C-alpha cells in the first residue's frame, strides 16, 4: 500500500468503443466507469477529466464508421453537463 489519495482521473478514450458494434453501449459504459471508480475510491465527487476522440480523417478503421465515432463523441460532449465534476 502506497498511501495517499487520488486527486482526480484523466481518461483518454481509445478507439475500440467507437466500433459500430459498441458505440450504442458507450454512454452506459462510460457512466458506469465514472461511477465505479468513484465508488471504489470512496470519492463521490472525484474530478473526472477526459480527452475527446478526435475525428478520424481518411480511410475508415476496421469496424468503425463515421456515425459510430460521432455517437461516442456526442456522448463525451454531453457528459460534461450530465456527470458532475
N, C-alpha and C. Protein backbone atom coordinates (compact mmCIF):
# COMPACT_ATOMS: atom_id res chain seq x y z
N UNK A 1 0.84 -1.17 0.00
CA UNK A 1 0.00 0.00 0.00
C UNK A 1 0.89 1.23 0.00
N UNK A 2 0.67 2.10 -0.97
CA UNK A 2 1.48 3.30 -1.12
C UNK A 2 0.93 4.47 -0.31
N UNK A 3 -0.34 4.43 0.02
CA UNK A 3 -0.94 5.54 0.75
C UNK A 3 -1.32 6.67 -0.18
N UNK A 4 -1.81 7.74 0.39
CA UNK A 4 -2.20 8.89 -0.42
C UNK A 4 -3.63 8.79 -0.91
N UNK A 5 -4.02 9.81 -1.65
CA UNK A 5 -5.38 9.90 -2.17
C UNK A 5 -5.32 10.26 -3.64
N UNK A 6 -6.24 9.74 -4.39
CA UNK A 6 -6.34 10.10 -5.80
C UNK A 6 -7.01 11.47 -5.87
N UNK A 7 -6.37 12.40 -6.57
CA UNK A 7 -6.90 13.76 -6.66
C UNK A 7 -7.86 13.93 -7.83
N UNK A 8 -7.77 13.05 -8.81
CA UNK A 8 -8.62 13.14 -9.99
C UNK A 8 -8.23 12.07 -10.99
N UNK A 9 -9.02 11.94 -12.02
CA UNK A 9 -8.78 10.95 -13.06
C UNK A 9 -8.69 11.67 -14.40
N UNK A 10 -7.70 11.30 -15.19
CA UNK A 10 -7.57 11.78 -16.55
C UNK A 10 -7.71 10.57 -17.46
N UNK A 11 -8.76 10.56 -18.27
CA UNK A 11 -9.10 9.42 -19.11
C UNK A 11 -8.94 9.78 -20.57
N UNK A 12 -8.14 9.00 -21.28
CA UNK A 12 -8.01 9.20 -22.72
C UNK A 12 -8.69 8.02 -23.39
N UNK A 13 -9.83 8.28 -24.00
CA UNK A 13 -10.64 7.23 -24.60
C UNK A 13 -9.96 6.66 -25.84
N UNK A 14 -9.85 5.35 -25.89
CA UNK A 14 -9.33 4.69 -27.08
C UNK A 14 -10.42 4.53 -28.12
N UNK A 15 -10.04 4.09 -29.29
CA UNK A 15 -11.00 3.99 -30.39
C UNK A 15 -11.85 2.73 -30.35
N UNK A 16 -11.52 1.74 -29.56
CA UNK A 16 -12.24 0.46 -29.59
C UNK A 16 -13.75 0.63 -29.35
N UNK A 17 -14.11 1.55 -28.47
CA UNK A 17 -15.53 1.74 -28.18
C UNK A 17 -16.27 2.49 -29.28
N UNK A 18 -15.56 2.99 -30.27
CA UNK A 18 -16.25 3.67 -31.36
C UNK A 18 -16.50 2.74 -32.55
N UNK A 19 -16.28 1.46 -32.37
CA UNK A 19 -16.68 0.50 -33.40
C UNK A 19 -18.20 0.47 -33.46
N UNK A 20 -18.73 0.23 -34.63
CA UNK A 20 -20.19 0.24 -34.82
C UNK A 20 -20.88 -0.71 -33.85
N UNK A 21 -20.27 -1.84 -33.54
CA UNK A 21 -20.88 -2.84 -32.66
C UNK A 21 -20.90 -2.42 -31.19
N UNK A 22 -20.11 -1.41 -30.82
CA UNK A 22 -20.01 -1.00 -29.42
C UNK A 22 -20.52 0.41 -29.13
N UNK A 23 -20.59 1.25 -30.13
CA UNK A 23 -20.87 2.68 -29.92
C UNK A 23 -22.18 2.92 -29.18
N UNK A 24 -23.21 2.15 -29.48
CA UNK A 24 -24.50 2.38 -28.84
C UNK A 24 -24.48 2.04 -27.35
N UNK A 25 -23.48 1.30 -26.90
CA UNK A 25 -23.35 0.94 -25.49
C UNK A 25 -22.47 1.93 -24.73
N UNK A 26 -21.83 2.83 -25.47
CA UNK A 26 -20.81 3.68 -24.86
C UNK A 26 -21.33 4.55 -23.73
N UNK A 27 -22.47 5.18 -23.89
CA UNK A 27 -22.96 6.08 -22.85
C UNK A 27 -23.13 5.34 -21.52
N UNK A 28 -23.79 4.21 -21.55
CA UNK A 28 -24.00 3.42 -20.34
C UNK A 28 -22.66 2.98 -19.73
N UNK A 29 -21.76 2.53 -20.58
CA UNK A 29 -20.47 2.03 -20.10
C UNK A 29 -19.60 3.16 -19.54
N UNK A 30 -19.64 4.33 -20.17
CA UNK A 30 -18.86 5.47 -19.68
C UNK A 30 -19.37 5.91 -18.31
N UNK A 31 -20.68 6.04 -18.18
CA UNK A 31 -21.27 6.43 -16.89
C UNK A 31 -20.91 5.40 -15.80
N UNK A 32 -20.96 4.13 -16.16
CA UNK A 32 -20.62 3.07 -15.22
C UNK A 32 -19.15 3.16 -14.80
N UNK A 33 -18.26 3.46 -15.73
CA UNK A 33 -16.84 3.62 -15.42
C UNK A 33 -16.63 4.72 -14.38
N UNK A 34 -17.22 5.88 -14.62
CA UNK A 34 -17.06 7.01 -13.70
C UNK A 34 -17.63 6.66 -12.33
N UNK A 35 -18.84 6.12 -12.30
CA UNK A 35 -19.48 5.77 -11.02
C UNK A 35 -18.69 4.70 -10.28
N UNK A 36 -18.19 3.71 -10.98
CA UNK A 36 -17.43 2.62 -10.35
C UNK A 36 -16.12 3.12 -9.76
N UNK A 37 -15.40 3.95 -10.50
CA UNK A 37 -14.14 4.50 -9.97
C UNK A 37 -14.40 5.33 -8.72
N UNK A 38 -15.42 6.15 -8.77
CA UNK A 38 -15.74 6.98 -7.61
C UNK A 38 -16.14 6.13 -6.41
N UNK A 39 -16.91 5.09 -6.66
CA UNK A 39 -17.33 4.20 -5.57
C UNK A 39 -16.14 3.43 -5.01
N UNK A 40 -15.33 2.85 -5.88
CA UNK A 40 -14.17 2.08 -5.43
C UNK A 40 -13.19 2.92 -4.63
N UNK A 41 -13.04 4.18 -5.02
CA UNK A 41 -12.11 5.08 -4.33
C UNK A 41 -12.77 5.83 -3.17
N UNK A 42 -14.05 5.56 -2.95
CA UNK A 42 -14.83 6.22 -1.91
C UNK A 42 -14.70 7.75 -2.02
N UNK A 43 -14.85 8.21 -3.26
CA UNK A 43 -14.72 9.65 -3.54
C UNK A 43 -15.83 10.05 -4.50
N UNK A 44 -17.05 10.27 -4.00
CA UNK A 44 -18.19 10.53 -4.88
C UNK A 44 -18.07 11.78 -5.74
N UNK A 45 -17.21 12.71 -5.35
CA UNK A 45 -17.03 13.94 -6.13
C UNK A 45 -15.68 13.99 -6.84
N UNK A 46 -15.03 12.85 -6.99
CA UNK A 46 -13.73 12.78 -7.64
C UNK A 46 -13.79 13.41 -9.02
N UNK A 47 -12.95 14.42 -9.29
CA UNK A 47 -12.94 15.02 -10.63
C UNK A 47 -12.55 13.99 -11.69
N UNK A 48 -13.27 14.00 -12.78
CA UNK A 48 -13.04 13.04 -13.87
C UNK A 48 -12.93 13.84 -15.16
N UNK A 49 -11.73 13.91 -15.70
CA UNK A 49 -11.46 14.64 -16.94
C UNK A 49 -11.24 13.63 -18.05
N UNK A 50 -11.61 14.00 -19.24
CA UNK A 50 -11.41 13.08 -20.37
C UNK A 50 -10.99 13.85 -21.61
N UNK A 51 -10.29 13.15 -22.46
CA UNK A 51 -9.92 13.71 -23.76
C UNK A 51 -10.88 13.11 -24.78
N UNK A 52 -11.52 13.97 -25.54
CA UNK A 52 -12.49 13.52 -26.52
C UNK A 52 -11.78 12.93 -27.73
N UNK A 53 -12.38 11.89 -28.30
CA UNK A 53 -11.83 11.30 -29.51
C UNK A 53 -11.75 12.33 -30.62
N UNK A 54 -10.64 12.31 -31.33
CA UNK A 54 -10.50 13.19 -32.48
C UNK A 54 -11.25 12.58 -33.67
N UNK A 55 -11.60 13.42 -34.60
CA UNK A 55 -12.22 12.91 -35.83
C UNK A 55 -11.15 12.17 -36.62
N UNK A 56 -11.51 11.03 -37.16
CA UNK A 56 -10.57 10.25 -37.94
C UNK A 56 -10.69 10.67 -39.39
N UNK A 57 -9.59 11.13 -39.95
CA UNK A 57 -9.60 11.57 -41.34
C UNK A 57 -9.00 10.49 -42.23
N UNK A 58 -9.64 10.25 -43.32
CA UNK A 58 -9.12 9.26 -44.25
C UNK A 58 -9.90 7.98 -44.22
N UNK A 59 -9.23 6.92 -44.52
CA UNK A 59 -9.85 5.60 -44.62
C UNK A 59 -10.45 5.16 -43.28
N UNK A 60 -11.64 4.58 -43.30
CA UNK A 60 -12.27 4.14 -42.06
C UNK A 60 -11.51 2.94 -41.48
N UNK A 61 -11.40 2.92 -40.16
CA UNK A 61 -10.76 1.80 -39.49
C UNK A 61 -11.70 0.61 -39.46
N UNK A 62 -11.15 -0.55 -39.29
CA UNK A 62 -11.95 -1.77 -39.26
C UNK A 62 -13.02 -1.71 -38.18
N UNK A 63 -14.28 -1.83 -38.58
CA UNK A 63 -15.39 -1.83 -37.64
C UNK A 63 -15.88 -0.46 -37.22
N UNK A 64 -15.19 0.59 -37.66
CA UNK A 64 -15.56 1.96 -37.31
C UNK A 64 -16.30 2.60 -38.48
N UNK A 65 -17.24 3.45 -38.13
CA UNK A 65 -17.90 4.25 -39.15
C UNK A 65 -17.92 5.69 -38.67
N UNK A 66 -18.15 6.59 -39.56
CA UNK A 66 -18.26 8.00 -39.17
C UNK A 66 -19.39 8.15 -38.15
N UNK A 67 -20.49 7.44 -38.35
CA UNK A 67 -21.65 7.53 -37.45
C UNK A 67 -21.32 6.98 -36.07
N UNK A 68 -20.64 5.84 -36.00
CA UNK A 68 -20.34 5.26 -34.69
C UNK A 68 -19.35 6.12 -33.91
N UNK A 69 -18.39 6.71 -34.60
CA UNK A 69 -17.47 7.61 -33.92
C UNK A 69 -18.20 8.85 -33.42
N UNK A 70 -19.17 9.33 -34.18
CA UNK A 70 -19.94 10.51 -33.76
C UNK A 70 -20.80 10.20 -32.53
N UNK A 71 -21.31 9.00 -32.40
CA UNK A 71 -22.07 8.60 -31.21
C UNK A 71 -21.19 8.75 -29.97
N UNK A 72 -19.96 8.27 -30.05
CA UNK A 72 -19.05 8.34 -28.90
C UNK A 72 -18.69 9.79 -28.61
N UNK A 73 -18.36 10.57 -29.63
CA UNK A 73 -18.02 11.98 -29.41
C UNK A 73 -19.19 12.76 -28.81
N UNK A 74 -20.39 12.50 -29.27
CA UNK A 74 -21.57 13.19 -28.75
C UNK A 74 -21.81 12.82 -27.29
N UNK A 75 -21.63 11.56 -26.95
CA UNK A 75 -21.75 11.13 -25.55
C UNK A 75 -20.73 11.86 -24.69
N UNK A 76 -19.50 11.94 -25.18
CA UNK A 76 -18.46 12.65 -24.44
C UNK A 76 -18.80 14.13 -24.30
N UNK A 77 -19.31 14.73 -25.35
CA UNK A 77 -19.66 16.15 -25.31
C UNK A 77 -20.73 16.40 -24.25
N UNK A 78 -21.74 15.55 -24.19
CA UNK A 78 -22.85 15.73 -23.24
C UNK A 78 -22.44 15.41 -21.81
N UNK A 79 -21.43 14.58 -21.63
CA UNK A 79 -21.04 14.12 -20.30
C UNK A 79 -20.67 15.28 -19.37
N UNK A 80 -20.06 16.32 -19.93
CA UNK A 80 -19.63 17.45 -19.09
C UNK A 80 -20.80 18.07 -18.34
N UNK A 81 -21.94 18.17 -18.99
CA UNK A 81 -23.11 18.78 -18.35
C UNK A 81 -23.91 17.78 -17.52
N UNK A 82 -23.78 16.51 -17.83
CA UNK A 82 -24.64 15.50 -17.21
C UNK A 82 -23.99 14.74 -16.06
N UNK A 83 -22.67 14.69 -16.04
CA UNK A 83 -21.95 13.97 -14.96
C UNK A 83 -21.20 15.02 -14.16
N UNK A 84 -21.55 15.21 -12.88
CA UNK A 84 -20.89 16.24 -12.08
C UNK A 84 -19.38 16.00 -11.94
N UNK A 85 -18.65 17.08 -11.85
CA UNK A 85 -17.19 17.04 -11.64
C UNK A 85 -16.49 16.25 -12.72
